[in-house]
N, C-alpha and C. Protein backbone atom coordinates (compact mmCIF):
# COMPACT_ATOMS: atom_id res chain seq x y z
N MET A 1 16.42 -39.35 211.22
CA MET A 1 15.10 -39.94 211.40
C MET A 1 15.23 -41.30 212.09
N THR A 2 14.41 -41.53 213.07
CA THR A 2 14.50 -42.76 213.84
C THR A 2 13.69 -43.88 213.18
N GLY A 3 14.04 -45.09 213.56
CA GLY A 3 13.28 -46.24 213.08
C GLY A 3 11.84 -46.20 213.54
N ASP A 4 11.62 -45.67 214.75
CA ASP A 4 10.26 -45.57 215.28
C ASP A 4 9.42 -44.64 214.41
N GLU A 5 10.00 -43.54 213.93
CA GLU A 5 9.27 -42.61 213.07
C GLU A 5 8.87 -43.27 211.76
N LEU A 6 9.78 -44.04 211.20
CA LEU A 6 9.47 -44.74 209.96
C LEU A 6 8.41 -45.81 210.18
N ASP A 7 8.51 -46.52 211.28
CA ASP A 7 7.52 -47.55 211.59
C ASP A 7 6.13 -46.93 211.73
N LEU A 8 6.08 -45.75 212.38
CA LEU A 8 4.80 -45.06 212.53
C LEU A 8 4.26 -44.64 211.17
N ALA A 9 5.13 -44.12 210.31
CA ALA A 9 4.69 -43.71 208.97
C ALA A 9 4.14 -44.90 208.20
N ARG A 10 4.81 -46.03 208.28
CA ARG A 10 4.35 -47.23 207.57
C ARG A 10 3.00 -47.70 208.11
N THR A 11 2.86 -47.64 209.43
CA THR A 11 1.59 -48.03 210.04
C THR A 11 0.46 -47.11 209.60
N GLU A 12 0.74 -45.80 209.51
CA GLU A 12 -0.29 -44.84 209.11
C GLU A 12 -0.66 -44.99 207.64
N VAL A 13 0.31 -45.31 206.80
CA VAL A 13 0.02 -45.56 205.39
C VAL A 13 -0.89 -46.78 205.25
N ALA A 14 -0.59 -47.83 206.00
CA ALA A 14 -1.42 -49.03 205.95
C ALA A 14 -2.84 -48.74 206.43
N ALA A 15 -2.96 -47.98 207.52
CA ALA A 15 -4.28 -47.64 208.06
C ALA A 15 -5.07 -46.79 207.07
N THR A 16 -4.41 -45.82 206.43
CA THR A 16 -5.08 -44.99 205.43
C THR A 16 -5.50 -45.82 204.24
N SER A 17 -4.67 -46.77 203.84
CA SER A 17 -5.02 -47.66 202.73
C SER A 17 -6.30 -48.42 203.02
N ARG A 18 -6.40 -48.94 204.23
CA ARG A 18 -7.62 -49.68 204.61
C ARG A 18 -8.83 -48.76 204.60
N GLU A 19 -8.64 -47.50 205.01
CA GLU A 19 -9.75 -46.55 205.02
C GLU A 19 -10.16 -46.17 203.59
N VAL A 20 -9.21 -46.04 202.69
CA VAL A 20 -9.52 -45.78 201.28
C VAL A 20 -10.43 -46.89 200.74
N ALA A 21 -10.09 -48.13 201.08
CA ALA A 21 -10.93 -49.26 200.65
C ALA A 21 -12.29 -49.23 201.34
N ARG A 22 -12.30 -48.93 202.63
CA ARG A 22 -13.57 -48.89 203.37
C ARG A 22 -14.51 -47.84 202.80
N GLN A 23 -13.95 -46.75 202.31
CA GLN A 23 -14.76 -45.69 201.73
C GLN A 23 -15.26 -46.05 200.33
N GLY A 24 -14.84 -47.20 199.82
CA GLY A 24 -15.30 -47.65 198.52
C GLY A 24 -14.59 -47.00 197.35
N LEU A 25 -13.37 -46.49 197.59
CA LEU A 25 -12.64 -45.78 196.55
C LEU A 25 -11.74 -46.68 195.71
N VAL A 26 -11.58 -47.93 196.13
CA VAL A 26 -10.74 -48.87 195.37
C VAL A 26 -11.35 -50.27 195.44
N LEU A 27 -10.91 -51.12 194.51
CA LEU A 27 -11.27 -52.53 194.51
C LEU A 27 -9.98 -53.35 194.46
N GLY A 28 -9.88 -54.36 195.29
CA GLY A 28 -8.74 -55.27 195.24
C GLY A 28 -7.41 -54.57 195.39
N THR A 29 -6.52 -54.80 194.43
CA THR A 29 -5.16 -54.25 194.51
C THR A 29 -5.05 -52.89 193.84
N ALA A 30 -6.16 -52.31 193.41
CA ALA A 30 -6.13 -50.99 192.78
C ALA A 30 -5.79 -49.92 193.80
N GLY A 31 -5.14 -48.84 193.34
CA GLY A 31 -4.86 -47.70 194.20
C GLY A 31 -3.60 -47.84 195.01
N ASN A 32 -3.13 -46.72 195.54
CA ASN A 32 -1.93 -46.72 196.37
C ASN A 32 -1.90 -45.45 197.21
N VAL A 33 -1.09 -45.51 198.28
CA VAL A 33 -1.04 -44.43 199.28
C VAL A 33 0.42 -44.21 199.67
N SER A 34 0.77 -42.95 199.93
CA SER A 34 2.12 -42.67 200.41
C SER A 34 2.14 -41.46 201.33
N VAL A 35 3.23 -41.36 202.11
CA VAL A 35 3.47 -40.18 202.94
C VAL A 35 4.97 -39.89 202.93
N ARG A 36 5.30 -38.62 202.91
CA ARG A 36 6.71 -38.22 202.95
C ARG A 36 7.11 -37.97 204.40
N VAL A 37 8.28 -38.51 204.75
CA VAL A 37 8.84 -38.29 206.08
C VAL A 37 10.28 -37.84 205.87
N GLY A 38 10.51 -36.54 205.91
CA GLY A 38 11.84 -36.02 205.63
C GLY A 38 12.22 -36.29 204.19
N ASP A 39 13.34 -36.94 203.98
CA ASP A 39 13.80 -37.28 202.63
C ASP A 39 13.44 -38.70 202.23
N LEU A 40 12.51 -39.31 202.96
CA LEU A 40 12.07 -40.67 202.65
C LEU A 40 10.56 -40.68 202.39
N VAL A 41 10.12 -41.71 201.68
CA VAL A 41 8.71 -41.86 201.35
C VAL A 41 8.27 -43.27 201.69
N ALA A 42 7.23 -43.38 202.51
CA ALA A 42 6.62 -44.67 202.82
C ALA A 42 5.40 -44.84 201.94
N LEU A 43 5.34 -45.93 201.18
CA LEU A 43 4.23 -46.11 200.25
C LEU A 43 3.87 -47.58 200.10
N THR A 44 2.63 -47.80 199.69
CA THR A 44 2.15 -49.17 199.54
C THR A 44 2.93 -49.89 198.45
N ALA A 45 3.12 -51.17 198.67
CA ALA A 45 3.84 -52.00 197.70
C ALA A 45 2.92 -52.39 196.55
N THR A 46 3.52 -52.77 195.44
CA THR A 46 2.73 -53.21 194.29
C THR A 46 2.02 -54.53 194.60
N GLY A 47 0.81 -54.66 194.11
CA GLY A 47 0.05 -55.89 194.30
C GLY A 47 -0.63 -56.04 195.64
N VAL A 48 -0.57 -55.02 196.48
CA VAL A 48 -1.18 -55.10 197.81
C VAL A 48 -2.68 -54.82 197.74
N THR A 49 -3.47 -55.61 198.42
CA THR A 49 -4.90 -55.36 198.56
C THR A 49 -5.09 -54.33 199.65
N LEU A 50 -5.53 -53.12 199.30
CA LEU A 50 -5.57 -52.03 200.26
C LEU A 50 -6.49 -52.33 201.44
N ALA A 51 -7.55 -53.08 201.22
CA ALA A 51 -8.51 -53.35 202.28
C ALA A 51 -7.90 -54.11 203.45
N SER A 52 -6.82 -54.84 203.20
CA SER A 52 -6.18 -55.63 204.25
C SER A 52 -4.71 -55.26 204.43
N ALA A 53 -4.32 -54.06 204.01
CA ALA A 53 -2.91 -53.66 204.07
C ALA A 53 -2.40 -53.63 205.50
N THR A 54 -1.17 -54.08 205.68
CA THR A 54 -0.50 -54.05 206.97
C THR A 54 0.80 -53.27 206.85
N THR A 55 1.44 -53.04 207.97
CA THR A 55 2.71 -52.33 207.96
C THR A 55 3.73 -53.02 207.05
N GLU A 56 3.71 -54.34 207.01
CA GLU A 56 4.64 -55.09 206.19
C GLU A 56 4.39 -54.89 204.69
N ASP A 57 3.22 -54.37 204.34
CA ASP A 57 2.88 -54.11 202.94
C ASP A 57 3.33 -52.72 202.48
N VAL A 58 4.03 -52.01 203.35
CA VAL A 58 4.47 -50.65 203.05
C VAL A 58 5.99 -50.62 202.92
N THR A 59 6.45 -50.07 201.81
CA THR A 59 7.88 -50.00 201.50
C THR A 59 8.37 -48.57 201.69
N VAL A 60 9.64 -48.40 201.97
CA VAL A 60 10.23 -47.06 202.13
C VAL A 60 11.32 -46.87 201.08
N VAL A 61 11.26 -45.74 200.37
CA VAL A 61 12.28 -45.38 199.39
C VAL A 61 12.73 -43.95 199.65
N ASP A 62 13.84 -43.55 199.02
CA ASP A 62 14.23 -42.14 199.10
C ASP A 62 13.60 -41.39 197.94
N LEU A 63 13.87 -40.09 197.83
CA LEU A 63 13.21 -39.26 196.83
C LEU A 63 13.67 -39.57 195.40
N ASP A 64 14.71 -40.37 195.28
CA ASP A 64 15.15 -40.83 193.96
C ASP A 64 14.63 -42.23 193.65
N GLY A 65 13.83 -42.79 194.56
CA GLY A 65 13.25 -44.10 194.35
C GLY A 65 14.11 -45.25 194.79
N ARG A 66 15.24 -44.96 195.43
CA ARG A 66 16.11 -46.04 195.90
C ARG A 66 15.53 -46.69 197.14
N HIS A 67 15.58 -48.01 197.18
CA HIS A 67 15.01 -48.77 198.29
C HIS A 67 15.72 -48.45 199.59
N HIS A 68 14.91 -48.24 200.63
CA HIS A 68 15.46 -47.99 201.97
C HIS A 68 15.13 -49.14 202.91
N SER A 69 13.86 -49.52 202.95
CA SER A 69 13.46 -50.61 203.83
C SER A 69 12.13 -51.19 203.37
N GLY A 70 11.80 -52.36 203.90
CA GLY A 70 10.62 -53.09 203.47
C GLY A 70 11.00 -54.23 202.55
N LEU A 71 10.16 -55.26 202.49
CA LEU A 71 10.49 -56.47 201.74
C LEU A 71 9.89 -56.52 200.34
N LEU A 72 9.01 -55.56 200.01
CA LEU A 72 8.28 -55.64 198.75
C LEU A 72 8.62 -54.47 197.82
N GLN A 73 8.43 -54.69 196.53
CA GLN A 73 8.63 -53.64 195.54
C GLN A 73 7.55 -52.56 195.70
N PRO A 74 7.88 -51.30 195.50
CA PRO A 74 6.88 -50.24 195.65
C PRO A 74 5.86 -50.25 194.53
N THR A 75 4.78 -49.53 194.70
CA THR A 75 3.72 -49.42 193.72
C THR A 75 4.24 -49.04 192.34
N SER A 76 3.54 -49.47 191.31
CA SER A 76 3.92 -49.14 189.93
C SER A 76 3.76 -47.65 189.64
N GLU A 77 3.00 -46.94 190.47
CA GLU A 77 2.82 -45.50 190.30
C GLU A 77 3.83 -44.71 191.12
N LEU A 78 4.97 -45.30 191.41
CA LEU A 78 6.01 -44.65 192.19
C LEU A 78 6.37 -43.27 191.63
N GLY A 79 6.42 -43.17 190.29
CA GLY A 79 6.81 -41.91 189.67
C GLY A 79 5.89 -40.76 190.04
N ILE A 80 4.59 -41.01 190.11
CA ILE A 80 3.65 -39.95 190.49
C ILE A 80 3.90 -39.51 191.91
N HIS A 81 4.05 -40.46 192.82
CA HIS A 81 4.26 -40.12 194.22
C HIS A 81 5.54 -39.31 194.40
N LEU A 82 6.64 -39.77 193.84
CA LEU A 82 7.91 -39.05 193.99
C LEU A 82 7.85 -37.69 193.31
N GLY A 83 7.19 -37.62 192.16
CA GLY A 83 7.06 -36.35 191.46
C GLY A 83 6.31 -35.32 192.26
N VAL A 84 5.25 -35.75 192.95
CA VAL A 84 4.50 -34.83 193.81
C VAL A 84 5.41 -34.25 194.88
N TYR A 85 6.22 -35.10 195.51
CA TYR A 85 7.06 -34.63 196.60
C TYR A 85 8.21 -33.76 196.12
N ARG A 86 8.66 -33.98 194.89
CA ARG A 86 9.72 -33.14 194.34
C ARG A 86 9.19 -31.79 193.90
N ASP A 87 7.95 -31.76 193.40
CA ASP A 87 7.42 -30.56 192.76
C ASP A 87 6.52 -29.70 193.65
N SER A 88 6.15 -30.19 194.81
CA SER A 88 5.18 -29.44 195.62
C SER A 88 5.50 -29.57 197.11
N ASP A 89 4.68 -28.90 197.91
CA ASP A 89 4.85 -28.97 199.36
C ASP A 89 3.95 -30.04 199.99
N ALA A 90 3.30 -30.85 199.16
CA ALA A 90 2.43 -31.91 199.69
C ALA A 90 3.25 -32.94 200.46
N SER A 91 2.61 -33.53 201.47
CA SER A 91 3.27 -34.53 202.29
C SER A 91 2.62 -35.90 202.19
N ALA A 92 1.51 -36.00 201.44
CA ALA A 92 0.82 -37.28 201.32
C ALA A 92 0.08 -37.36 199.99
N VAL A 93 -0.07 -38.58 199.49
CA VAL A 93 -0.74 -38.83 198.21
C VAL A 93 -1.67 -40.03 198.37
N VAL A 94 -2.89 -39.89 197.85
CA VAL A 94 -3.83 -41.01 197.77
C VAL A 94 -4.27 -41.16 196.33
N HIS A 95 -4.01 -42.33 195.77
CA HIS A 95 -4.44 -42.65 194.40
C HIS A 95 -5.55 -43.69 194.48
N ALA A 96 -6.72 -43.37 193.92
CA ALA A 96 -7.88 -44.24 194.01
C ALA A 96 -8.42 -44.56 192.62
N HIS A 97 -9.26 -45.58 192.55
CA HIS A 97 -9.95 -45.95 191.31
C HIS A 97 -11.45 -45.81 191.55
N SER A 98 -11.87 -44.65 192.01
CA SER A 98 -13.25 -44.46 192.46
C SER A 98 -14.24 -44.39 191.30
N GLU A 99 -15.41 -44.94 191.53
CA GLU A 99 -16.39 -45.20 190.47
C GLU A 99 -16.89 -43.94 189.78
N ALA A 100 -17.34 -42.96 190.54
CA ALA A 100 -17.93 -41.77 189.93
C ALA A 100 -16.90 -40.98 189.14
N ALA A 101 -15.67 -40.93 189.65
CA ALA A 101 -14.61 -40.20 188.94
C ALA A 101 -14.29 -40.88 187.61
N VAL A 102 -14.20 -42.22 187.62
CA VAL A 102 -13.94 -42.93 186.37
C VAL A 102 -15.10 -42.71 185.40
N ALA A 103 -16.34 -42.78 185.90
CA ALA A 103 -17.51 -42.57 185.05
C ALA A 103 -17.46 -41.18 184.41
N LEU A 104 -17.16 -40.17 185.20
CA LEU A 104 -17.07 -38.81 184.66
C LEU A 104 -16.01 -38.72 183.58
N SER A 105 -14.87 -39.39 183.81
CA SER A 105 -13.77 -39.31 182.84
C SER A 105 -14.12 -39.91 181.49
N LEU A 106 -15.18 -40.72 181.43
CA LEU A 106 -15.60 -41.34 180.19
C LEU A 106 -16.47 -40.43 179.34
N VAL A 107 -17.03 -39.39 179.96
CA VAL A 107 -18.01 -38.57 179.24
C VAL A 107 -17.71 -37.08 179.27
N ALA A 108 -16.67 -36.66 180.00
CA ALA A 108 -16.37 -35.23 180.11
C ALA A 108 -14.87 -35.00 180.08
N ASP A 109 -14.48 -33.82 179.62
CA ASP A 109 -13.07 -33.45 179.57
C ASP A 109 -12.63 -32.66 180.80
N GLU A 110 -13.59 -32.29 181.62
CA GLU A 110 -13.26 -31.55 182.84
C GLU A 110 -14.39 -31.68 183.85
N LEU A 111 -14.07 -31.39 185.08
CA LEU A 111 -15.08 -31.26 186.13
C LEU A 111 -15.20 -29.78 186.45
N PRO A 112 -16.24 -29.10 185.95
CA PRO A 112 -16.42 -27.70 186.28
C PRO A 112 -16.76 -27.55 187.75
N VAL A 113 -16.71 -26.34 188.25
CA VAL A 113 -17.01 -26.13 189.66
C VAL A 113 -18.51 -26.24 189.86
N VAL A 114 -18.94 -27.35 190.45
CA VAL A 114 -20.37 -27.61 190.66
C VAL A 114 -20.80 -27.35 192.10
N HIS A 115 -19.83 -27.14 192.98
CA HIS A 115 -20.12 -26.85 194.39
C HIS A 115 -18.95 -26.04 194.94
N TYR A 116 -19.24 -25.12 195.85
CA TYR A 116 -18.17 -24.24 196.31
C TYR A 116 -17.05 -24.97 197.05
N GLN A 117 -17.34 -26.16 197.60
CA GLN A 117 -16.27 -26.89 198.27
C GLN A 117 -15.18 -27.34 197.31
N GLN A 118 -15.49 -27.30 196.02
CA GLN A 118 -14.48 -27.66 195.02
C GLN A 118 -13.30 -26.70 195.03
N LEU A 119 -13.49 -25.50 195.59
CA LEU A 119 -12.39 -24.56 195.72
C LEU A 119 -11.26 -25.14 196.56
N LEU A 120 -11.59 -26.06 197.48
CA LEU A 120 -10.55 -26.69 198.30
C LEU A 120 -9.59 -27.51 197.45
N LEU A 121 -10.05 -27.94 196.27
CA LEU A 121 -9.21 -28.74 195.39
C LEU A 121 -8.55 -27.92 194.30
N GLY A 122 -8.88 -26.62 194.25
CA GLY A 122 -8.27 -25.75 193.25
C GLY A 122 -9.21 -25.27 192.18
N GLY A 123 -10.52 -25.61 192.29
CA GLY A 123 -11.48 -25.16 191.30
C GLY A 123 -11.70 -26.18 190.20
N LYS A 124 -11.89 -25.68 188.97
CA LYS A 124 -12.15 -26.56 187.83
C LYS A 124 -10.99 -27.53 187.63
N LEU A 125 -11.33 -28.82 187.37
CA LEU A 125 -10.31 -29.85 187.19
C LEU A 125 -10.41 -30.43 185.79
N THR A 126 -9.31 -30.35 185.04
CA THR A 126 -9.26 -30.94 183.71
C THR A 126 -8.93 -32.42 183.82
N VAL A 127 -9.61 -33.24 183.03
CA VAL A 127 -9.36 -34.68 183.04
C VAL A 127 -8.04 -34.97 182.31
N VAL A 128 -7.15 -35.68 182.99
CA VAL A 128 -5.86 -36.05 182.40
C VAL A 128 -6.09 -37.11 181.32
N PRO A 129 -5.58 -36.91 180.10
CA PRO A 129 -5.78 -37.90 179.03
C PRO A 129 -5.22 -39.27 179.42
N PHE A 130 -5.79 -40.31 178.86
CA PHE A 130 -5.37 -41.65 179.23
C PHE A 130 -3.93 -41.94 178.80
N ALA A 131 -3.22 -42.62 179.67
CA ALA A 131 -1.93 -43.22 179.38
C ALA A 131 -1.82 -44.43 180.29
N PRO A 132 -1.12 -45.48 179.88
CA PRO A 132 -1.03 -46.69 180.71
C PRO A 132 -0.43 -46.39 182.08
N PHE A 133 -0.88 -47.13 183.07
CA PHE A 133 -0.38 -46.94 184.44
C PHE A 133 1.12 -47.18 184.50
N GLY A 134 1.77 -46.43 185.38
CA GLY A 134 3.20 -46.60 185.60
C GLY A 134 4.10 -46.00 184.55
N THR A 135 3.53 -45.34 183.53
CA THR A 135 4.35 -44.81 182.45
C THR A 135 4.79 -43.38 182.74
N GLU A 136 5.88 -42.98 182.09
CA GLU A 136 6.36 -41.60 182.23
C GLU A 136 5.32 -40.62 181.67
N GLU A 137 4.61 -41.04 180.63
CA GLU A 137 3.58 -40.18 180.04
C GLU A 137 2.48 -39.86 181.05
N LEU A 138 2.00 -40.89 181.76
CA LEU A 138 0.97 -40.65 182.77
C LEU A 138 1.51 -39.82 183.92
N THR A 139 2.72 -40.12 184.35
CA THR A 139 3.31 -39.36 185.45
C THR A 139 3.41 -37.89 185.09
N ALA A 140 3.93 -37.57 183.92
CA ALA A 140 4.12 -36.17 183.51
C ALA A 140 2.78 -35.44 183.42
N ALA A 141 1.78 -36.09 182.82
CA ALA A 141 0.47 -35.44 182.65
C ALA A 141 -0.21 -35.22 184.00
N THR A 142 -0.07 -36.19 184.90
CA THR A 142 -0.69 -36.06 186.23
C THR A 142 -0.02 -34.96 187.03
N LEU A 143 1.28 -34.90 187.01
CA LEU A 143 2.00 -33.87 187.76
C LEU A 143 1.67 -32.48 187.22
N ALA A 144 1.49 -32.37 185.90
CA ALA A 144 1.11 -31.08 185.32
C ALA A 144 -0.26 -30.65 185.84
N ALA A 145 -1.19 -31.60 185.93
CA ALA A 145 -2.54 -31.29 186.43
C ALA A 145 -2.53 -30.90 187.89
N LEU A 146 -1.59 -31.42 188.66
CA LEU A 146 -1.54 -31.16 190.09
C LEU A 146 -0.78 -29.88 190.44
N ARG A 147 -0.17 -29.23 189.46
CA ARG A 147 0.60 -28.03 189.77
C ARG A 147 -0.29 -26.89 190.27
N HIS A 148 -1.55 -26.92 189.87
CA HIS A 148 -2.47 -25.85 190.28
C HIS A 148 -3.72 -26.41 190.95
N ALA A 149 -3.62 -27.63 191.46
CA ALA A 149 -4.78 -28.26 192.09
C ALA A 149 -4.30 -29.25 193.14
N ARG A 150 -5.23 -29.66 193.99
CA ARG A 150 -4.92 -30.64 195.04
C ARG A 150 -5.46 -32.01 194.68
N ALA A 151 -5.97 -32.15 193.47
CA ALA A 151 -6.47 -33.46 193.02
C ALA A 151 -6.53 -33.46 191.50
N ALA A 152 -6.51 -34.66 190.94
CA ALA A 152 -6.59 -34.82 189.49
C ALA A 152 -7.44 -36.03 189.16
N ILE A 153 -8.14 -35.95 188.02
CA ILE A 153 -8.93 -37.06 187.50
C ILE A 153 -8.17 -37.65 186.32
N LEU A 154 -7.96 -38.96 186.33
CA LEU A 154 -7.23 -39.63 185.26
C LEU A 154 -8.21 -40.40 184.39
N ALA A 155 -8.24 -40.11 183.10
CA ALA A 155 -9.21 -40.73 182.19
C ALA A 155 -9.08 -42.24 182.20
N HIS A 156 -10.24 -42.92 182.28
CA HIS A 156 -10.30 -44.39 182.24
C HIS A 156 -9.46 -45.02 183.35
N HIS A 157 -9.27 -44.33 184.46
CA HIS A 157 -8.32 -44.81 185.46
C HIS A 157 -8.77 -44.52 186.89
N GLY A 158 -8.79 -43.25 187.29
CA GLY A 158 -9.12 -42.95 188.68
C GLY A 158 -8.76 -41.54 189.07
N THR A 159 -8.27 -41.37 190.29
CA THR A 159 -7.95 -40.04 190.80
C THR A 159 -6.64 -40.07 191.57
N VAL A 160 -6.04 -38.89 191.70
CA VAL A 160 -4.90 -38.69 192.58
C VAL A 160 -5.21 -37.45 193.42
N ALA A 161 -5.10 -37.58 194.73
CA ALA A 161 -5.33 -36.45 195.63
C ALA A 161 -4.11 -36.29 196.54
N VAL A 162 -3.76 -35.03 196.82
CA VAL A 162 -2.60 -34.76 197.66
C VAL A 162 -3.03 -33.91 198.84
N GLY A 163 -2.17 -33.85 199.86
CA GLY A 163 -2.48 -33.05 201.03
C GLY A 163 -1.27 -32.87 201.91
N SER A 164 -1.45 -32.08 202.95
CA SER A 164 -0.37 -31.83 203.90
C SER A 164 -0.24 -32.96 204.91
N SER A 165 -1.18 -33.89 204.87
CA SER A 165 -1.17 -35.06 205.75
C SER A 165 -1.94 -36.18 205.06
N LEU A 166 -1.80 -37.39 205.58
CA LEU A 166 -2.57 -38.50 205.03
C LEU A 166 -4.07 -38.25 205.16
N GLN A 167 -4.49 -37.68 206.28
CA GLN A 167 -5.91 -37.40 206.47
C GLN A 167 -6.41 -36.39 205.45
N GLN A 168 -5.64 -35.36 205.20
CA GLN A 168 -6.09 -34.35 204.23
C GLN A 168 -6.11 -34.91 202.81
N ALA A 169 -5.12 -35.71 202.45
CA ALA A 169 -5.12 -36.33 201.12
C ALA A 169 -6.33 -37.24 200.97
N LEU A 170 -6.65 -38.02 202.00
CA LEU A 170 -7.83 -38.87 201.97
C LEU A 170 -9.10 -38.03 201.87
N ASP A 171 -9.19 -36.97 202.66
CA ASP A 171 -10.36 -36.08 202.61
C ASP A 171 -10.54 -35.52 201.21
N ASN A 172 -9.45 -35.14 200.57
CA ASN A 172 -9.54 -34.59 199.22
C ASN A 172 -9.99 -35.64 198.22
N ALA A 173 -9.54 -36.88 198.39
CA ALA A 173 -9.98 -37.96 197.51
C ALA A 173 -11.47 -38.22 197.68
N VAL A 174 -11.94 -38.21 198.92
CA VAL A 174 -13.37 -38.43 199.19
C VAL A 174 -14.20 -37.28 198.63
N LEU A 175 -13.72 -36.05 198.82
CA LEU A 175 -14.43 -34.87 198.30
C LEU A 175 -14.52 -34.93 196.78
N LEU A 176 -13.43 -35.28 196.13
CA LEU A 176 -13.45 -35.35 194.66
C LEU A 176 -14.45 -36.39 194.18
N GLU A 177 -14.49 -37.54 194.82
CA GLU A 177 -15.45 -38.57 194.41
C GLU A 177 -16.87 -38.07 194.60
N TRP A 178 -17.14 -37.35 195.69
CA TRP A 178 -18.49 -36.80 195.93
C TRP A 178 -18.85 -35.80 194.84
N LEU A 179 -17.92 -34.93 194.49
CA LEU A 179 -18.17 -33.94 193.45
C LEU A 179 -18.44 -34.61 192.10
N CYS A 180 -17.68 -35.64 191.79
CA CYS A 180 -17.90 -36.37 190.54
C CYS A 180 -19.26 -37.04 190.53
N ARG A 181 -19.67 -37.57 191.69
CA ARG A 181 -20.98 -38.22 191.78
C ARG A 181 -22.10 -37.19 191.57
N VAL A 182 -21.93 -36.00 192.15
CA VAL A 182 -22.91 -34.93 191.96
C VAL A 182 -23.02 -34.59 190.47
N TYR A 183 -21.88 -34.45 189.81
CA TYR A 183 -21.88 -34.09 188.39
C TYR A 183 -22.55 -35.18 187.56
N VAL A 184 -22.15 -36.43 187.77
CA VAL A 184 -22.70 -37.53 186.98
C VAL A 184 -24.20 -37.67 187.21
N THR A 185 -24.64 -37.50 188.45
CA THR A 185 -26.07 -37.60 188.77
C THR A 185 -26.85 -36.50 188.06
N ALA A 186 -26.33 -35.27 188.11
CA ALA A 186 -27.01 -34.16 187.45
C ALA A 186 -27.01 -34.33 185.93
N ALA A 187 -25.89 -34.83 185.39
CA ALA A 187 -25.77 -34.98 183.94
C ALA A 187 -26.75 -35.99 183.39
N ALA A 188 -27.24 -36.90 184.23
CA ALA A 188 -28.24 -37.86 183.78
C ALA A 188 -29.59 -37.20 183.53
N VAL A 189 -29.76 -35.99 184.07
CA VAL A 189 -31.02 -35.26 183.91
C VAL A 189 -30.90 -34.17 182.85
N ALA A 190 -29.80 -33.40 182.95
CA ALA A 190 -29.58 -32.28 182.01
C ALA A 190 -28.13 -31.84 182.15
N PRO A 191 -27.61 -31.06 181.20
CA PRO A 191 -26.23 -30.56 181.34
C PRO A 191 -26.07 -29.78 182.65
N PRO A 192 -25.13 -30.16 183.51
CA PRO A 192 -24.97 -29.49 184.80
C PRO A 192 -24.56 -28.02 184.64
N ARG A 193 -25.10 -27.17 185.47
CA ARG A 193 -24.68 -25.77 185.52
C ARG A 193 -23.45 -25.66 186.41
N SER A 194 -22.50 -24.83 186.03
CA SER A 194 -21.31 -24.61 186.86
C SER A 194 -21.42 -23.26 187.55
N MET A 195 -20.70 -23.10 188.62
CA MET A 195 -20.68 -21.83 189.35
C MET A 195 -19.87 -20.80 188.56
N THR A 196 -20.30 -19.55 188.62
CA THR A 196 -19.61 -18.48 187.90
C THR A 196 -18.46 -17.94 188.75
N ASP A 197 -17.59 -17.17 188.11
CA ASP A 197 -16.50 -16.52 188.85
C ASP A 197 -17.04 -15.61 189.93
N ALA A 198 -18.16 -14.95 189.66
CA ALA A 198 -18.78 -14.07 190.66
C ALA A 198 -19.26 -14.88 191.86
N HIS A 199 -19.87 -16.05 191.60
CA HIS A 199 -20.29 -16.93 192.70
C HIS A 199 -19.09 -17.30 193.58
N LEU A 200 -18.02 -17.70 192.94
CA LEU A 200 -16.86 -18.19 193.68
C LEU A 200 -16.20 -17.07 194.47
N GLN A 201 -16.13 -15.88 193.88
CA GLN A 201 -15.55 -14.75 194.60
C GLN A 201 -16.38 -14.41 195.82
N ALA A 202 -17.69 -14.48 195.69
CA ALA A 202 -18.57 -14.20 196.83
C ALA A 202 -18.37 -15.23 197.94
N VAL A 203 -18.18 -16.50 197.55
CA VAL A 203 -17.93 -17.55 198.53
C VAL A 203 -16.62 -17.28 199.28
N VAL A 204 -15.58 -16.94 198.54
CA VAL A 204 -14.28 -16.68 199.16
C VAL A 204 -14.39 -15.52 200.15
N GLU A 205 -15.04 -14.45 199.74
CA GLU A 205 -15.18 -13.28 200.62
C GLU A 205 -15.96 -13.62 201.88
N GLU A 206 -17.02 -14.41 201.74
CA GLU A 206 -17.82 -14.78 202.91
C GLU A 206 -17.05 -15.72 203.83
N ALA A 207 -16.27 -16.63 203.23
CA ALA A 207 -15.48 -17.55 204.04
C ALA A 207 -14.43 -16.80 204.85
N VAL A 208 -13.81 -15.81 204.24
CA VAL A 208 -12.82 -14.99 204.96
C VAL A 208 -13.50 -14.19 206.06
N ARG A 209 -14.66 -13.62 205.76
CA ARG A 209 -15.36 -12.78 206.73
C ARG A 209 -15.82 -13.55 207.95
N THR A 210 -16.30 -14.78 207.74
CA THR A 210 -16.90 -15.55 208.83
C THR A 210 -15.97 -16.58 209.44
N GLY A 211 -14.80 -16.81 208.81
CA GLY A 211 -13.94 -17.88 209.31
C GLY A 211 -14.55 -19.24 209.06
N TYR A 212 -15.20 -19.38 207.92
CA TYR A 212 -15.92 -20.61 207.57
C TYR A 212 -15.00 -21.82 207.62
N GLY A 213 -15.50 -22.91 208.18
CA GLY A 213 -14.76 -24.15 208.24
C GLY A 213 -13.93 -24.33 209.48
N ARG A 214 -13.93 -23.34 210.37
CA ARG A 214 -13.18 -23.44 211.62
C ARG A 214 -14.14 -23.37 212.80
N THR A 215 -13.90 -24.22 213.81
CA THR A 215 -14.72 -24.16 215.01
C THR A 215 -14.38 -22.90 215.79
N ARG A 216 -15.39 -22.36 216.46
CA ARG A 216 -15.21 -21.13 217.25
C ARG A 216 -15.99 -21.26 218.55
N PRO A 217 -15.43 -20.76 219.65
CA PRO A 217 -16.16 -20.81 220.92
C PRO A 217 -17.36 -19.87 220.90
N VAL A 218 -18.34 -20.20 221.70
CA VAL A 218 -19.50 -19.33 221.84
C VAL A 218 -19.07 -18.02 222.52
N ASP A 219 -19.55 -16.88 222.00
CA ASP A 219 -19.24 -15.60 222.62
C ASP A 219 -19.89 -15.53 224.00
N PRO A 220 -19.16 -15.10 225.02
CA PRO A 220 -19.77 -14.99 226.35
C PRO A 220 -20.89 -13.97 226.35
N ALA A 221 -21.92 -14.25 227.10
CA ALA A 221 -23.08 -13.35 227.16
C ALA A 221 -22.68 -12.04 227.85
């Protein structure tokens, strides 16, 4: 791996961090972002304000957490990031402290499927029980939740979203926050209804039949 590739990865992590803040998913130094590049991981340093993150705020470690480059200590949630890369095929992680997700975690034990787009995240999401940040307990519980999903809700804390790229991980984090907002808004009126297995199967079949979510050229006349 070349130095230029690592520099690009660090620059992209910083840019994604700023976008996470711009989307309103974090406040101050909350949250962290990473991307895997081969056997190395570029991730935000601890104490960094994501809204103003720069390349210099991104540290590089190997998959065992050993320092490779950068001047700052990595995020306190290093264990979650490395665990994702060891246990799955994900290439990027976004950890946020988004408002609606935290609110949901205070009043519910799970996010049922309230919209068919939730299938992109793996369906119903169980709220990970609270454990202090940076602990092995939180890391283990979060990784368990992510084994069958592309995102997790952490009680009294926030969310973790993964993807095949930084953009996809960010998209998943934004989608999860939207879904949580939908649930919390509905719950203020009445207990939200969830989609049934039959609903979800029908959605999957229609998506396969129509190629839903992919652009297609107009058929020639």
